[in-house]
């Protein structure tokens, strides 16, 4: 498996301001490449990247190895979607 070069991807997507990951590995790799601390499940952290602010949201894992009530997962996703909707109105 080959890692996605997050920084290169962000350079190619200059209007991208938010990355959403689902699960530990994706979050770890993304946070590592951006040089930031990993957010807790259901939260986000911000990072500066080449003159712009990038938010990294961490969602619950979709793996059955990490069960979580669907209502709890839905709540995390709703919070993320609401924030993304608010940000889109700011543009």
PDB file of N, CA and C in Angstrom:
ATOM      1  N   UNK A   1       0.838  -1.153   0.000  1.00  0.00           N
ATOM      2  CA  UNK A   1       0.000   0.000   0.000  1.00  0.00           C
ATOM      3  C   UNK A   1       0.894   1.231   0.000  1.00  0.00           C
ATOM      4  N   UNK A   2       0.493   2.232  -0.755  1.00  0.00           N
ATOM      5  CA  UNK A   2       1.255   3.472  -0.849  1.00  0.00           C
ATOM      6  C   UNK A   2       0.452   4.616  -0.227  1.00  0.00           C
ATOM      7  N   UNK A   3       1.127   5.421   0.580  1.00  0.00           N
ATOM      8  CA  UNK A   3       0.472   6.561   1.209  1.00  0.00           C
ATOM      9  C   UNK A   3       0.142   7.636   0.184  1.00  0.00           C
ATOM     10  N   UNK A   4      -0.977   8.307   0.405  1.00  0.00           N
ATOM     11  CA  UNK A   4      -1.306   9.488  -0.379  1.00  0.00           C
ATOM     12  C   UNK A   4      -0.422  10.628   0.094  1.00  0.00           C
ATOM     13  N   UNK A   5       0.122  11.372  -0.833  1.00  0.00           N
ATOM     14  CA  UNK A   5       0.916  12.549  -0.502  1.00  0.00           C
ATOM     15  C   UNK A   5      -0.075  13.688  -0.266  1.00  0.00           C
ATOM     16  N   UNK A   6      -0.426  13.901   0.993  1.00  0.00           N
ATOM     17  CA  UNK A   6      -1.457  14.866   1.356  1.00  0.00           C
ATOM     18  C   UNK A   6      -1.061  16.278   0.934  1.00  0.00           C
ATOM     19  N   UNK A   7       0.172  16.641   1.136  1.00  0.00           N
ATOM     20  CA  UNK A   7       0.611  17.983   0.772  1.00  0.00           C
ATOM     21  C   UNK A   7       0.501  18.209  -0.741  1.00  0.00           C
ATOM     22  N   UNK A   8       0.903  17.229  -1.522  1.00  0.00           N
ATOM     23  CA  UNK A   8       0.783  17.350  -2.972  1.00  0.00           C
ATOM     24  C   UNK A   8      -0.687  17.464  -3.378  1.00  0.00           C
ATOM     25  N   UNK A   9      -1.522  16.687  -2.751  1.00  0.00           N
ATOM     26  CA  UNK A   9      -2.955  16.726  -3.036  1.00  0.00           C
ATOM     27  C   UNK A   9      -3.527  18.109  -2.723  1.00  0.00           C
ATOM     28  N   UNK A  10      -3.131  18.685  -1.586  1.00  0.00           N
ATOM     29  CA  UNK A  10      -3.614  20.019  -1.218  1.00  0.00           C
ATOM     30  C   UNK A  10      -3.114  21.084  -2.198  1.00  0.00           C
ATOM     31  N   UNK A  11      -1.916  20.904  -2.702  1.00  0.00           N
ATOM     32  CA  UNK A  11      -1.407  21.858  -3.701  1.00  0.00           C
ATOM     33  C   UNK A  11      -2.246  21.797  -4.978  1.00  0.00           C
ATOM     34  N   UNK A  12      -2.717  20.616  -5.307  1.00  0.00           N
ATOM     35  CA  UNK A  12      -3.529  20.442  -6.512  1.00  0.00           C
ATOM     36  C   UNK A  12      -4.975  20.889  -6.313  1.00  0.00           C
ATOM     37  N   UNK A  13      -5.375  21.030  -5.058  1.00  0.00           N
ATOM     38  CA  UNK A  13      -6.736  21.445  -4.717  1.00  0.00           C
ATOM     39  C   UNK A  13      -6.668  22.731  -3.880  1.00  0.00           C
ATOM     40  N   UNK A  14      -6.366  23.847  -4.506  1.00  0.00           N
ATOM     41  CA  UNK A  14      -6.121  25.075  -3.750  1.00  0.00           C
ATOM     42  C   UNK A  14      -7.325  25.599  -2.961  1.00  0.00           C
ATOM     43  N   UNK A  15      -8.522  25.173  -3.282  1.00  0.00           N
ATOM     44  CA  UNK A  15      -9.683  25.630  -2.532  1.00  0.00           C
ATOM     45  C   UNK A  15     -10.073  24.666  -1.413  1.00  0.00           C
ATOM     46  N   UNK A  16      -9.371  23.565  -1.284  1.00  0.00           N
ATOM     47  CA  UNK A  16      -9.653  22.594  -0.223  1.00  0.00           C
ATOM     48  C   UNK A  16      -9.234  23.187   1.121  1.00  0.00           C
ATOM     49  N   UNK A  17     -10.164  23.178   2.064  1.00  0.00           N
ATOM     50  CA  UNK A  17      -9.856  23.713   3.384  1.00  0.00           C
ATOM     51  C   UNK A  17     -10.107  22.702   4.499  1.00  0.00           C
ATOM     52  N   UNK A  18     -10.657  21.537   4.135  1.00  0.00           N
ATOM     53  CA  UNK A  18     -10.991  20.540   5.151  1.00  0.00           C
ATOM     54  C   UNK A  18     -10.696  19.140   4.643  1.00  0.00           C
ATOM     55  N   UNK A  19     -10.109  18.332   5.516  1.00  0.00           N
ATOM     56  CA  UNK A  19      -9.884  16.908   5.236  1.00  0.00           C
ATOM     57  C   UNK A  19     -10.640  16.137   6.307  1.00  0.00           C
ATOM     58  N   UNK A  20     -11.360  15.107   5.892  1.00  0.00           N
ATOM     59  CA  UNK A  20     -12.101  14.265   6.826  1.00  0.00           C
ATOM     60  C   UNK A  20     -11.549  12.853   6.719  1.00  0.00           C
ATOM     61  N   UNK A  21     -11.129  12.292   7.856  1.00  0.00           N
ATOM     62  CA  UNK A  21     -10.622  10.923   7.875  1.00  0.00           C
ATOM     63  C   UNK A  21     -11.557  10.047   8.692  1.00  0.00           C
ATOM     64  N   UNK A  22     -11.572   8.776   8.376  1.00  0.00           N
ATOM     65  CA  UNK A  22     -12.373   7.804   9.124  1.00  0.00           C
ATOM     66  C   UNK A  22     -11.437   6.706   9.599  1.00  0.00           C
ATOM     67  N   UNK A  23     -11.116   6.739  10.868  1.00  0.00           N
ATOM     68  CA  UNK A  23     -10.273   5.701  11.428  1.00  0.00           C
ATOM     69  C   UNK A  23      -8.886   6.169  11.801  1.00  0.00           C
ATOM     70  N   UNK A  24      -8.223   5.317  12.565  1.00  0.00           N
ATOM     71  CA  UNK A  24      -6.919   5.641  13.150  1.00  0.00           C
ATOM     72  C   UNK A  24      -5.813   5.810  12.120  1.00  0.00           C
ATOM     73  N   UNK A  25      -5.658   4.857  11.219  1.00  0.00           N
ATOM     74  CA  UNK A  25      -4.531   4.900  10.289  1.00  0.00           C
ATOM     75  C   UNK A  25      -4.586   6.129   9.393  1.00  0.00           C
ATOM     76  N   UNK A  26      -5.731   6.387   8.804  1.00  0.00           N
ATOM     77  CA  UNK A  26      -5.859   7.557   7.923  1.00  0.00           C
ATOM     78  C   UNK A  26      -5.572   8.841   8.689  1.00  0.00           C
ATOM     79  N   UNK A  27      -6.073   8.920   9.912  1.00  0.00           N
ATOM     80  CA  UNK A  27      -5.858  10.113  10.732  1.00  0.00           C
ATOM     81  C   UNK A  27      -4.381  10.274  11.074  1.00  0.00           C
ATOM     82  N   UNK A  28      -3.756   9.198  11.484  1.00  0.00           N
ATOM     83  CA  UNK A  28      -2.337   9.234  11.845  1.00  0.00           C
ATOM     84  C   UNK A  28      -1.483   9.684  10.666  1.00  0.00           C
ATOM     85  N   UNK A  29      -1.719   9.106   9.504  1.00  0.00           N
ATOM     86  CA  UNK A  29      -0.919   9.449   8.329  1.00  0.00           C
ATOM     87  C   UNK A  29      -1.118  10.898   7.917  1.00  0.00           C
ATOM     88  N   UNK A  30      -2.348  11.348   7.912  1.00  0.00           N
ATOM     89  CA  UNK A  30      -2.638  12.720   7.508  1.00  0.00           C
ATOM     90  C   UNK A  30      -2.047  13.722   8.500  1.00  0.00           C
ATOM     91  N   UNK A  31      -2.273  13.489   9.776  1.00  0.00           N
ATOM     92  CA  UNK A  31      -1.744  14.394  10.807  1.00  0.00           C
ATOM     93  C   UNK A  31      -0.219  14.429  10.756  1.00  0.00           C
ATOM     94  N   UNK A  32       0.395  13.293  10.553  1.00  0.00           N
ATOM     95  CA  UNK A  32       1.852  13.214  10.483  1.00  0.00           C
ATOM     96  C   UNK A  32       2.391  14.045   9.316  1.00  0.00           C
ATOM     97  N   UNK A  33       1.773  13.906   8.160  1.00  0.00           N
ATOM     98  CA  UNK A  33       2.242  14.651   6.991  1.00  0.00           C
ATOM     99  C   UNK A  33       2.037  16.156   7.151  1.00  0.00           C
ATOM    100  N   UNK A  34       1.005  16.550   7.900  1.00  0.00           N
ATOM    101  CA  UNK A  34       0.749  17.977   8.116  1.00  0.00           C
ATOM    102  C   UNK A  34       1.493  18.515   9.339  1.00  0.00           C
ATOM    103  N   UNK A  35       2.113  17.621  10.104  1.00  0.00           N
ATOM    104  CA  UNK A  35       2.875  18.033  11.274  1.00  0.00           C
ATOM    105  C   UNK A  35       2.013  18.551  12.412  1.00  0.00           C
ATOM    106  N   UNK A  36       0.849  17.921  12.605  1.00  0.00           N
ATOM    107  CA  UNK A  36      -0.078  18.354  13.656  1.00  0.00           C
ATOM    108  C   UNK A  36      -0.455  17.177  14.541  1.00  0.00           C
ATOM    109  N   UNK A  37      -1.039  17.477  15.692  1.00  0.00           N
ATOM    110  CA  UNK A  37      -1.551  16.431  16.578  1.00  0.00           C
ATOM    111  C   UNK A  37      -2.838  15.855  16.001  1.00  0.00           C
ATOM    112  N   UNK A  38      -3.061  14.586  16.274  1.00  0.00           N
ATOM    113  CA  UNK A  38      -4.283  13.935  15.808  1.00  0.00           C
ATOM    114  C   UNK A  38      -5.483  14.427  16.609  1.00  0.00           C
ATOM    115  N   UNK A  39      -6.580  14.749  15.926  1.00  0.00           N
ATOM    116  CA  UNK A  39      -7.789  15.118  16.661  1.00  0.00           C
ATOM    117  C   UNK A  39      -8.433  13.877  17.277  1.00  0.00           C
ATOM    118  N   UNK A  40      -9.185  14.076  18.344  1.00  0.00           N
ATOM    119  CA  UNK A  40      -9.962  12.984  18.918  1.00  0.00           C
ATOM    120  C   UNK A  40     -11.153  12.708  18.007  1.00  0.00           C
ATOM    121  N   UNK A  41     -11.729  11.527  18.121  1.00  0.00           N
ATOM    122  CA  UNK A  41     -12.886  11.162  17.306  1.00  0.00           C
ATOM    123  C   UNK A  41     -13.986  12.199  17.487  1.00  0.00           C
ATOM    124  N   UNK A  42     -14.520  12.671  16.365  1.00  0.00           N
ATOM    125  CA  UNK A  42     -15.605  13.637  16.378  1.00  0.00           C
ATOM    126  C   UNK A  42     -15.177  15.079  16.503  1.00  0.00           C
ATOM    127  N   UNK A  43     -13.857  15.323  16.486  1.00  0.00           N
ATOM    128  CA  UNK A  43     -13.359  16.694  16.601  1.00  0.00           C
ATOM    129  C   UNK A  43     -12.428  17.009  15.433  1.00  0.00           C
ATOM    130  N   UNK A  44     -11.950  18.236  15.421  1.00  0.00           N
ATOM    131  CA  UNK A  44     -11.023  18.642  14.368  1.00  0.00           C
ATOM    132  C   UNK A  44      -9.884  19.452  14.966  1.00  0.00           C
ATOM    133  N   UNK A  45      -8.816  19.543  14.208  1.00  0.00           N
ATOM    134  CA  UNK A  45      -7.695  20.424  14.528  1.00  0.00           C
ATOM    135  C   UNK A  45      -7.371  21.204  13.257  1.00  0.00           C
ATOM    136  N   UNK A  46      -6.752  22.344  13.434  1.00  0.00           N
ATOM    137  CA  UNK A  46      -6.388  23.175  12.291  1.00  0.00           C
ATOM    138  C   UNK A  46      -4.881  23.179  12.105  1.00  0.00           C
ATOM    139  N   UNK A  47      -4.499  23.345  10.862  1.00  0.00           N
ATOM    140  CA  UNK A  47      -3.078  23.410  10.519  1.00  0.00           C
ATOM    141  C   UNK A  47      -2.875  24.492   9.482  1.00  0.00           C
ATOM    142  N   UNK A  48      -1.742  25.149   9.559  1.00  0.00           N
ATOM    143  CA  UNK A  48      -1.376  26.073   8.511  1.00  0.00           C
ATOM    144  C   UNK A  48      -0.682  25.299   7.403  1.00  0.00           C
ATOM    145  N   UNK A  49      -1.035  25.623   6.173  1.00  0.00           N
ATOM    146  CA  UNK A  49      -0.399  24.959   5.041  1.00  0.00           C
ATOM    147  C   UNK A  49      -0.244  25.969   3.910  1.00  0.00           C
ATOM    148  N   UNK A  50       0.984  26.368   3.662  1.00  0.00           N
ATOM    149  CA  UNK A  50       1.315  27.263   2.546  1.00  0.00           C
ATOM    150  C   UNK A  50       0.368  28.459   2.464  1.00  0.00           C
ATOM    151  N   UNK A  51       0.192  29.121   3.615  1.00  0.00           N
ATOM    152  CA  UNK A  51      -0.589  30.340   3.647  1.00  0.00           C
ATOM    153  C   UNK A  51      -2.089  30.175   3.797  1.00  0.00           C
ATOM    154  N   UNK A  52      -2.544  28.964   3.994  1.00  0.00           N
ATOM    155  CA  UNK A  52      -3.978  28.768   4.219  1.00  0.00           C
ATOM    156  C   UNK A  52      -4.200  27.853   5.403  1.00  0.00           C
ATOM    157  N   UNK A  53      -5.403  27.889   5.924  1.00  0.00           N
ATOM    158  CA  UNK A  53      -5.750  27.059   7.073  1.00  0.00           C
ATOM    159  C   UNK A  53      -6.465  25.799   6.591  1.00  0.00           C
ATOM    160  N   UNK A  54      -6.038  24.662   7.108  1.00  0.00           N
ATOM    161  CA  UNK A  54      -6.633  23.373   6.775  1.00  0.00           C
ATOM    162  C   UNK A  54      -7.169  22.758   8.064  1.00  0.00           C
ATOM    163  N   UNK A  55      -8.414  22.291   8.033  1.00  0.00           N
ATOM    164  CA  UNK A  55      -8.996  21.581   9.175  1.00  0.00           C
ATOM    165  C   UNK A  55      -8.948  20.081   8.908  1.00  0.00           C
ATOM    166  N   UNK A  56      -8.568  19.322   9.914  1.00  0.00           N
ATOM    167  CA  UNK A  56      -8.566  17.860   9.832  1.00  0.00           C
ATOM    168  C   UNK A  56      -9.611  17.335  10.807  1.00  0.00           C
ATOM    169  N   UNK A  57     -10.677  16.746  10.269  1.00  0.00           N
ATOM    170  CA  UNK A  57     -11.729  16.130  11.078  1.00  0.00           C
ATOM    171  C   UNK A  57     -11.475  14.642  11.176  1.00  0.00           C
ATOM    172  N   UNK A  58     -11.683  14.099  12.349  1.00  0.00           N
ATOM    173  CA  UNK A  58     -11.548  12.655  12.549  1.00  0.00           C
ATOM    174  C   UNK A  58     -12.916  12.058  12.873  1.00  0.00           C
ATOM    175  N   UNK A  59     -13.362  11.193  12.009  1.00  0.00           N
ATOM    176  CA  UNK A  59     -14.632  10.511  12.195  1.00  0.00           C
ATOM    177  C   UNK A  59     -14.388   9.107  12.756  1.00  0.00           C
ATOM    178  N   UNK A  60     -15.422   8.480  13.269  1.00  0.00           N
ATOM    179  CA  UNK A  60     -15.262   7.122  13.790  1.00  0.00           C
ATOM    180  C   UNK A  60     -14.865   6.147  12.683  1.00  0.00           C
ATOM    181  N   UNK A  61     -14.167   5.121  13.055  1.00  0.00           N
ATOM    182  CA  UNK A  61     -13.798   4.071  12.117  1.00  0.00           C
ATOM    183  C   UNK A  61     -15.053   3.371  11.600  1.00  0.00           C
ATOM    184  N   UNK A  62     -15.002   2.967  10.348  1.00  0.00           N
ATOM    185  CA  UNK A  62     -16.112   2.201   9.777  1.00  0.00           C
ATOM    186  C   UNK A  62     -15.923   0.698   9.988  1.00  0.00           C
ATOM    187  N   UNK A  63     -14.804   0.326  10.566  1.00  0.00           N
ATOM    188  CA  UNK A  63     -14.497  -1.083  10.795  1.00  0.00           C
ATOM    189  C   UNK A  63     -15.395  -1.693  11.869  1.00  0.00           C
ATOM    190  N   UNK A  64     -15.802  -2.914  11.645  1.00  0.00           N
ATOM    191  CA  UNK A  64     -16.599  -3.624  12.651  1.00  0.00           C
ATOM    192  C   UNK A  64     -15.757  -3.994  13.869  1.00  0.00           C
ATOM    193  N   UNK A  65     -14.444  -3.865  13.742  1.00  0.00           N
ATOM    194  CA  UNK A  65     -13.563  -4.160  14.874  1.00  0.00           C
ATOM    195  C   UNK A  65     -13.685  -3.090  15.963  1.00  0.00           C
ATOM    196  N   UNK A  66     -14.231  -1.941  15.598  1.00  0.00           N
ATOM    197  CA  UNK A  66     -14.406  -0.834  16.549  1.00  0.00           C
ATOM    198  C   UNK A  66     -15.877  -0.431  16.579  1.00  0.00           C
ATOM    199  N   UNK A  67     -16.711  -1.261  17.212  1.00  0.00           N
ATOM    200  CA  UNK A  67     -18.150  -0.974  17.201  1.00  0.00           C
ATOM    201  C   UNK A  67     -18.492   0.279  17.997  1.00  0.00           C
ATOM    202  N   UNK A  68     -19.470   0.985  17.491  1.00  0.00           N
ATOM    203  CA  UNK A  68     -19.982   2.183  18.146  1.00  0.00           C
ATOM    204  C   UNK A  68     -21.450   2.287  17.746  1.00  0.00           C
ATOM    205  N   UNK A  69     -22.314   2.661  18.663  1.00  0.00           N
ATOM    206  CA  UNK A  69     -23.727   2.796  18.305  1.00  0.00           C
ATOM    207  C   UNK A  69     -23.905   3.740  17.105  1.00  0.00           C
ATOM    208  N   UNK A  70     -24.770   3.373  16.208  1.00  0.00           N
ATOM    209  CA  UNK A  70     -24.988   4.151  14.986  1.00  0.00           C
ATOM    210  C   UNK A  70     -25.412   5.584  15.302  1.00  0.00           C
ATOM    211  N   UNK A  71     -26.168   5.758  16.383  1.00  0.00           N
ATOM    212  CA  UNK A  71     -26.605   7.100  16.770  1.00  0.00           C
ATOM    213  C   UNK A  71     -25.411   7.989  17.137  1.00  0.00           C
ATOM    214  N   UNK A  72     -24.430   7.387  17.783  1.00  0.00           N
ATOM    215  CA  UNK A  72     -23.231   8.137  18.157  1.00  0.00           C
ATOM    216  C   UNK A  72     -22.415   8.511  16.919  1.00  0.00           C
ATOM    217  N   UNK A  73     -22.274   7.550  15.991  1.00  0.00           N
ATOM    218  CA  UNK A  73     -21.565   7.848  14.746  1.00  0.00           C
ATOM    219  C   UNK A  73     -22.288   8.960  13.983  1.00  0.00           C
ATOM    220  N   UNK A  74     -23.611   8.849  13.915  1.00  0.00           N
ATOM    221  CA  UNK A  74     -24.400   9.853  13.187  1.00  0.00           C
ATOM    222  C   UNK A  74     -24.208  11.238  13.799  1.00  0.00           C
ATOM    223  N   UNK A  75     -24.131  11.305  15.107  1.00  0.00           N
ATOM    224  CA  UNK A  75     -23.932  12.588  15.782  1.00  0.00           C
ATOM    225  C   UNK A  75     -22.586  13.209  15.393  1.00  0.00           C
ATOM    226  N   UNK A  76     -21.536  12.398  15.344  1.00  0.00           N
ATOM    227  CA  UNK A  76     -20.219  12.896  14.937  1.00  0.00           C
ATOM    228  C   UNK A  76     -20.258  13.428  13.498  1.00  0.00           C
ATOM    229  N   UNK A  77     -20.892  12.658  12.616  1.00  0.00           N
ATOM    230  CA  UNK A  77     -20.967  13.079  11.227  1.00  0.00           C
ATOM    231  C   UNK A  77     -21.820  14.334  11.074  1.00  0.00           C
ATOM    232  N   UNK A  78     -22.900  14.442  11.827  1.00  0.00           N
ATOM    233  CA  UNK A  78     -23.750  15.631  11.747  1.00  0.00           C
ATOM    234  C   UNK A  78     -22.980  16.875  12.160  1.00  0.00           C
ATOM    235  N   UNK A  79     -22.190  16.762  13.220  1.00  0.00           N
ATOM    236  CA  UNK A  79     -21.364  17.885  13.663  1.00  0.00           C
ATOM    237  C   UNK A  79     -20.402  18.305  12.560  1.00  0.00           C
ATOM    238  N   UNK A  80     -19.766  17.348  11.936  1.00  0.00           N
ATOM    239  CA  UNK A  80     -18.825  17.634  10.852  1.00  0.00           C
ATOM    240  C   UNK A  80     -19.548  18.289   9.678  1.00  0.00           C
ATOM    241  N   UNK A  81     -20.671  17.737   9.264  1.00  0.00           N
ATOM    242  CA  UNK A  81     -21.408  18.291   8.123  1.00  0.00           C
ATOM    243  C   UNK A  81     -21.895  19.703   8.413  1.00  0.00           C
ATOM    244  N   UNK A  82     -22.352  19.946   9.638  1.00  0.00           N
ATOM    245  CA  UNK A  82     -22.792  21.294  10.003  1.00  0.00           C
ATOM    246  C   UNK A  82     -21.645  22.290   9.897  1.00  0.00           C
ATOM    247  N   UNK A  83     -20.490  21.887  10.358  1.00  0.00           N
ATOM    248  CA  UNK A  83     -19.316  22.773  10.294  1.00  0.00           C
ATOM    249  C   UNK A  83     -18.923  23.048   8.848  1.00  0.00           C
ATOM    250  N   UNK A  84     -18.948  22.013   8.017  1.00  0.00           N
ATOM    251  CA  UNK A  84     -18.620  22.198   6.601  1.00  0.00           C
ATOM    252  C   UNK A  84     -19.626  23.127   5.931  1.00  0.00           C
ATOM    253  N   UNK A  85     -20.888  22.997   6.303  1.00  0.00           N
ATOM    254  CA  UNK A  85     -21.922  23.853   5.737  1.00  0.00           C
ATOM    255  C   UNK A  85     -21.678  25.296   6.154  1.00  0.00           C
ATOM    256  N   UNK A  86     -21.344  25.528   7.414  1.00  0.00           N
ATOM    257  CA  UNK A  86     -21.035  26.881   7.891  1.00  0.00           C
ATOM    258  C   UNK A  86     -19.847  27.465   7.143  1.00  0.00           C
ATOM    259  N   UNK A  87     -18.808  26.664   6.947  1.00  0.00           N
ATOM    260  CA  UNK A  87     -17.620  27.148   6.241  1.00  0.00           C
ATOM    261  C   UNK A  87     -17.935  27.506   4.796  1.00  0.00           C
ATOM    262  N   UNK A  88     -18.826  26.746   4.158  1.00  0.00           N
ATOM    263  CA  UNK A  88     -19.139  27.024   2.752  1.00  0.00           C
ATOM    264  C   UNK A  88     -19.875  28.348   2.617  1.00  0.00           C
ATOM    265  N   UNK A  89     -20.606  28.771   3.641  1.00  0.00           N
ATOM    266  CA  UNK A  89     -21.288  30.060   3.611  1.00  0.00           C
ATOM    267  C   UNK A  89     -20.317  31.216   3.801  1.00  0.00           C
ATOM    268  N   UNK A  90     -19.159  30.929   4.393  1.00  0.00           N
ATOM    269  CA  UNK A  90     -18.172  31.975   4.621  1.00  0.00           C
ATOM    270  C   UNK A  90     -17.378  32.314   3.362  1.00  0.00           C
ATOM    271  N   UNK A  91     -17.383  31.415   2.405  1.00  0.00           N
ATOM    272  CA  UNK A  91     -16.580  31.635   1.190  1.00  0.00           C
ATOM    273  C   UNK A  91     -17.173  32.691   0.287  1.00  0.00           C
TER     274      UNK A  91
END
